[in-house]
Amino acid sequence: MLVLGIDPGTATTGYGLVKQSSDGSLAAVAYGAILTPKELPMPERLEKLFQELNQIILLHRPDSSAVEKLFFQKNVKTAISVGQGRGVVLLALAQASLPIGEYTPNEIKQSVTGYGSADKHQMQEMVRMLLDLPKRPQPDDAADALAVAICHLHNSRYQQLIEETK
């Protein structure tokens, strides 16, 4: 199964595609970040995010997707901006008819590191090890998106095992 993980934002949206083989091994297929210039008006930034995400979906044809849930932000302006980006991401995924999993930052950390309060360095190192990468993925948003995809694959496997025992 190929999963597209997304760490949403307006200025920077991380994406990561992770493939799980039949033996359960994981491999990074592609990862990076969609950047939108601050100088552009918000509607144009959101359009750029939508178009670039659609190109990634068309190029890789993932089987499923996962998005990090918005967590509480003290800065309301930042929270609104991230929420707008997240909305565009969800729209692009829905229009592509991709199943969408949504996970909180703590759920992602727990799934990837076994510790819900892991720091960024621990997360990036576990992503590197799980995907057998030579170095930690950069930028940070791409590493986070790969972690979202890994979390979704772990969760999907867990749900499959539950169904098999019924």
Protein backbone atom coordinates (compact mmCIF):
# COMPACT_ATOMS: atom_id res chain seq x y z
CA MET A 1 0.00 0.00 0.00
CA LEU A 2 1.22 3.50 -0.86
CA VAL A 3 0.22 6.24 1.58
CA LEU A 4 0.52 10.00 1.11
CA GLY A 5 1.16 11.69 4.46
CA ILE A 6 0.60 15.44 4.81
CA ASP A 7 1.81 17.93 7.43
CA PRO A 8 -0.44 20.86 6.48
CA GLY A 9 0.37 24.54 6.53
CA THR A 10 0.06 27.61 4.38
CA ALA A 11 3.69 28.72 4.06
CA THR A 12 5.02 25.15 4.12
CA THR A 13 3.13 21.90 3.62
CA GLY A 14 5.18 18.76 4.05
CA TYR A 15 4.37 15.64 2.05
CA GLY A 16 5.72 12.13 2.20
CA LEU A 17 4.85 8.96 0.32
CA VAL A 18 5.55 5.68 2.11
CA LYS A 19 5.08 2.24 0.61
CA GLN A 20 4.48 -0.82 2.76
CA SER A 21 5.48 -4.12 1.18
CA SER A 22 3.65 -7.40 1.77
CA ASP A 23 6.33 -8.37 4.31
CA GLY A 24 5.52 -5.21 6.32
CA SER A 25 8.71 -3.33 5.44
CA LEU A 26 8.44 0.40 4.78
CA ALA A 27 10.14 2.50 2.12
CA ALA A 28 10.09 6.20 1.33
CA VAL A 29 8.96 6.75 -2.26
CA ALA A 30 9.14 10.57 -2.30
CA TYR A 31 9.03 13.46 0.13
CA GLY A 32 9.42 17.20 0.22
CA ALA A 33 7.57 20.41 0.89
CA ILE A 34 5.20 22.66 -0.98
CA LEU A 35 6.21 26.28 -0.32
CA THR A 36 4.08 29.34 -0.91
CA PRO A 37 5.63 32.83 -0.88
CA LYS A 38 4.47 35.19 1.88
CA GLU A 39 4.14 37.99 -0.69
CA LEU A 40 1.28 36.24 -2.49
CA PRO A 41 -2.27 36.97 -1.38
CA MET A 42 -3.79 34.11 0.63
CA PRO A 43 -6.15 32.94 -2.13
CA GLU A 44 -3.21 32.55 -4.52
CA ARG A 45 -1.14 30.71 -1.88
CA LEU A 46 -4.01 28.27 -1.29
CA GLU A 47 -4.44 27.77 -5.04
CA LYS A 48 -0.72 27.01 -5.42
CA LEU A 49 -0.94 24.47 -2.58
CA PHE A 50 -3.98 22.84 -4.19
CA GLN A 51 -2.36 22.64 -7.65
CA GLU A 52 0.96 21.24 -6.42
CA LEU A 53 -0.73 18.66 -4.19
CA ASN A 54 -2.88 17.55 -7.14
CA GLN A 55 0.32 17.08 -9.20
CA ILE A 56 1.84 14.90 -6.47
CA ILE A 57 -1.34 12.79 -6.31
CA LEU A 58 -1.43 12.39 -10.11
CA LEU A 59 2.25 11.50 -10.29
CA HIS A 60 2.30 8.89 -7.50
CA ARG A 61 -1.31 7.63 -7.38
CA PRO A 62 -1.38 6.76 -3.66
CA ASP A 63 -3.84 4.19 -2.31
CA SER A 64 -4.63 6.16 0.84
CA SER A 65 -3.75 9.38 2.62
CA ALA A 66 -3.28 10.77 6.10
CA VAL A 67 -3.24 14.30 7.48
CA GLU A 68 -2.08 15.70 10.78
CA LYS A 69 -4.97 17.14 12.78
CA LEU A 70 -4.81 20.78 13.76
CA PHE A 71 -3.77 21.15 17.36
CA PHE A 72 -4.49 24.12 19.59
CA GLN A 73 -2.35 27.14 18.81
CA LYS A 74 -1.89 30.12 21.11
CA ASN A 75 -1.40 32.32 18.06
CA VAL A 76 -4.89 32.60 16.53
CA LYS A 77 -3.56 34.04 13.27
CA THR A 78 -1.27 31.01 12.81
CA ALA A 79 -4.05 28.58 13.69
CA ILE A 80 -6.39 30.14 11.11
CA SER A 81 -3.68 30.07 8.44
CA VAL A 82 -2.84 26.41 9.13
CA GLY A 83 -6.56 25.61 9.15
CA GLN A 84 -6.98 27.16 5.71
CA GLY A 85 -4.10 25.09 4.35
CA ARG A 86 -5.49 21.96 5.98
CA GLY A 87 -8.87 22.60 4.37
CA VAL A 88 -7.31 22.83 0.93
CA VAL A 89 -5.39 19.60 1.56
CA LEU A 90 -8.56 17.76 2.63
CA LEU A 91 -10.39 19.06 -0.45
CA ALA A 92 -7.63 17.87 -2.82
CA LEU A 93 -7.56 14.42 -1.18
CA ALA A 94 -11.36 14.12 -1.23
CA GLN A 95 -11.55 15.17 -4.88
CA ALA A 96 -9.00 12.45 -5.69
CA SER A 97 -11.29 9.96 -3.89
CA LEU A 98 -8.52 8.99 -1.49
CA PRO A 99 -9.40 7.51 1.89
CA ILE A 100 -8.20 9.97 4.54
CA GLY A 101 -6.88 9.19 8.00
CA GLU A 102 -6.49 12.02 10.49
CA TYR A 103 -4.14 11.85 13.47
CA THR A 104 -3.14 14.16 16.31
CA PRO A 105 0.54 14.98 16.84
CA ASN A 106 0.58 12.76 19.96
CA GLU A 107 -0.96 9.82 18.08
CA ILE A 108 1.72 10.17 15.39
CA LYS A 109 4.54 10.35 17.94
CA GLN A 110 3.16 7.34 19.82
CA SER A 111 2.86 5.30 16.64
CA VAL A 112 6.30 6.15 15.28
CA THR A 113 8.44 6.32 18.44
CA GLY A 114 6.34 4.53 21.05
CA TYR A 115 6.31 7.73 23.11
CA GLY A 116 3.58 10.35 22.71
CA SER A 117 5.79 13.19 23.91
CA ALA A 118 8.80 12.49 21.68
CA ASP A 119 10.73 15.54 20.54
CA LYS A 120 11.46 16.49 16.93
CA HIS A 121 14.91 14.90 16.92
CA GLN A 122 13.54 11.57 18.21
CA MET A 123 10.78 11.61 15.59
CA GLN A 124 13.14 12.39 12.72
CA GLU A 125 15.59 9.71 13.80
CA MET A 126 12.86 7.06 14.06
CA VAL A 127 11.52 8.04 10.63
CA ARG A 128 15.05 7.71 9.25
CA MET A 129 15.50 4.27 10.84
CA LEU A 130 12.04 2.93 9.92
CA LEU A 131 12.51 3.97 6.29
CA ASP A 132 16.18 2.95 6.18
CA LEU A 133 17.27 6.40 4.98
CA PRO A 134 20.95 7.44 5.04
CA LYS A 135 20.13 10.70 6.86
CA ARG A 136 17.19 12.40 8.52
CA PRO A 137 14.67 13.67 5.95
CA GLN A 138 14.66 17.42 5.35
CA PRO A 139 12.93 19.78 5.62
CA ASP A 140 11.32 19.09 9.01
CA ASP A 141 7.86 19.34 7.44
CA ALA A 142 8.69 16.48 5.06
CA ALA A 143 9.95 14.34 7.96
CA ASP A 144 6.70 15.08 9.80
CA ALA A 145 4.67 14.10 6.73
CA LEU A 146 6.56 10.80 6.45
CA ALA A 147 5.74 10.20 10.13
CA VAL A 148 2.05 10.84 9.38
CA ALA A 149 2.16 8.23 6.58
CA ILE A 150 3.94 5.71 8.84
CA CYS A 151 1.34 6.28 11.56
CA HIS A 152 -1.44 5.63 9.07
CA LEU A 153 0.19 2.42 7.85
CA HIS A 154 0.63 1.21 11.44
CA ASN A 155 -2.98 2.10 12.24
CA SER A 156 -4.29 0.43 9.07
CA ARG A 157 -2.38 -2.76 9.88
CA TYR A 158 -3.74 -2.73 13.43
CA GLN A 159 -7.31 -2.26 12.16
CA GLN A 160 -6.80 -5.11 9.67
CA LEU A 161 -5.64 -7.43 12.46
CA ILE A 162 -8.68 -6.53 14.55
CA GLU A 163 -10.98 -7.34 11.61
CA GLU A 164 -9.25 -10.69 11.08
CA THR A 165 -9.88 -11.74 14.68
CA LYS A 166 -13.63 -11.08 14.48
